[in-house]
Amino acid sequence: MHEVVQDYAAEQIATGFSWTECPRWHDGAFYFSDMYAARVIRVETDGSWSVFADFSERVGLDGARVVTVGIGFLPDGRLIANSMFERVVLVWDGESTEVYADLRPFAPGPVNDMVVDAEGRAYVTQLGYDLWKKEEPVQTAILLVDTDGSVRELREAGLYTAPNGITISADGRTVVTAEAPEKRLIAFDRAADGILSAPRVFAELDLLPDGVCFDADGAVWAAQPGGGAAIRIVEGGEITARVTVDPERGGRTTACGLGGEDRRTLYVCCGFEVWDFDASVAGAQGSIWAAEVPVGAGESRP
C-alpha cells in the first residue's frame, strides 16, 4: 500500500529577483542564484536578504552574457558559480572574481547546475545545446571539477539529455541528477575519489523535474516547474510528500533545498519569466518560499 501524500503549503519569504535557481544552505544562511541578474543572494532566517556576490559587471568571455546558475561553496568558504553561456566556473573570494575552471573544452553548449562535495569537488551538469535558440538536443556527460580546478567528463557514468539539478546523499555515496526532458531522476554510485558509476533510474515522473535535493532518509525532493510544487520521491518513484506554492504569486517552482537550523526547512525557488532575460530582471517577480518538512537534510553539505 502506498503512503498517503502529505501536503505542505509554503510561505513566500523573499521576492524581487529574476529567475531563481540552485538553493544552498551554508554558514547559517540560505543562498541562491539570481540567474539573469548574475548575482548570488543570501537570505537570513528572518527573511531579510542581501547581495552576497555580484557578477553583473563582468565582461563575458567571447562576448557571452553572464548568467549564473549552479553555485556551491569550497571547504575554505570561497563561492564558486557556473557562468552558463561562458561555460566556465567562477570563483569569488569576497573581493574579486576569477575563472576557477574552464569547461569549454568539454561543454558544447550552456552549462547548468552544480553540487559541491565535502572535499571540494564540483559536479556540473550541462545542457549541451542552446535551448533559448531552439537548437536540437544532444546528450552530454556530467563534468567533474577536481579540487585543483582540473576538469574531466564522467563518460563512464553515461550520457544524458540536458541533465539539470544534481544532489549528493548525506552519506556521500550516491548522486542523483534530474534528466529533465526525459522526466526522470538518474542515480549513481559515488566512489571515494568522486567518480560516478552504476547509473540507474531512481524514478520516472509525470512532470519535468528541475532542481533536486536529498534528505537524510535517502528520498529526493524535486521541484517541478509545471506543477507549482516540489515533491518528495523515494527510489522507485513513490511520491510521499508535496510542498506547494501559490501559483499566482510564485509562478513556476524551479529548485528546492533543505536548510534552517535543524535542516528541516524546504526552501523553494520560484520564477515567472525564463525565456526573456531582460524582462525577467526588469519584472523582478522571482521569489523564495519555505515550508517545514518532517525529514531534514542530515549532514550539512556545501
Foldseek 3Di string as FASTA:
>chain_A
DAADAAEWEWDFLDFQAFFWAAWAADDQWIWIFSWLQQFIKTAHPNSDIDTQGGCQPPQAPPRDHFTWAAWFAFPVGWIWTFRFASQFIWIDDSPDIDTLARRVVFAQHTWAYWFAFNNGKIWTHHQSDDVLVVDDWDWGFIWIQDPNRYIDGLCQAPTAHRWAAKEAAQVRQKIWTFSFVQQFIWMFGADPRGRTHDIDTQAHHPAGWHHWYAFNVGWIWTFGQVPQWIFTAGGPHRTHYIYHYDCVQFHGFHYWAFDDPVSQKIKTKGHHDDNDSVCSNVVRSITIIITGDDTGRHHHGD
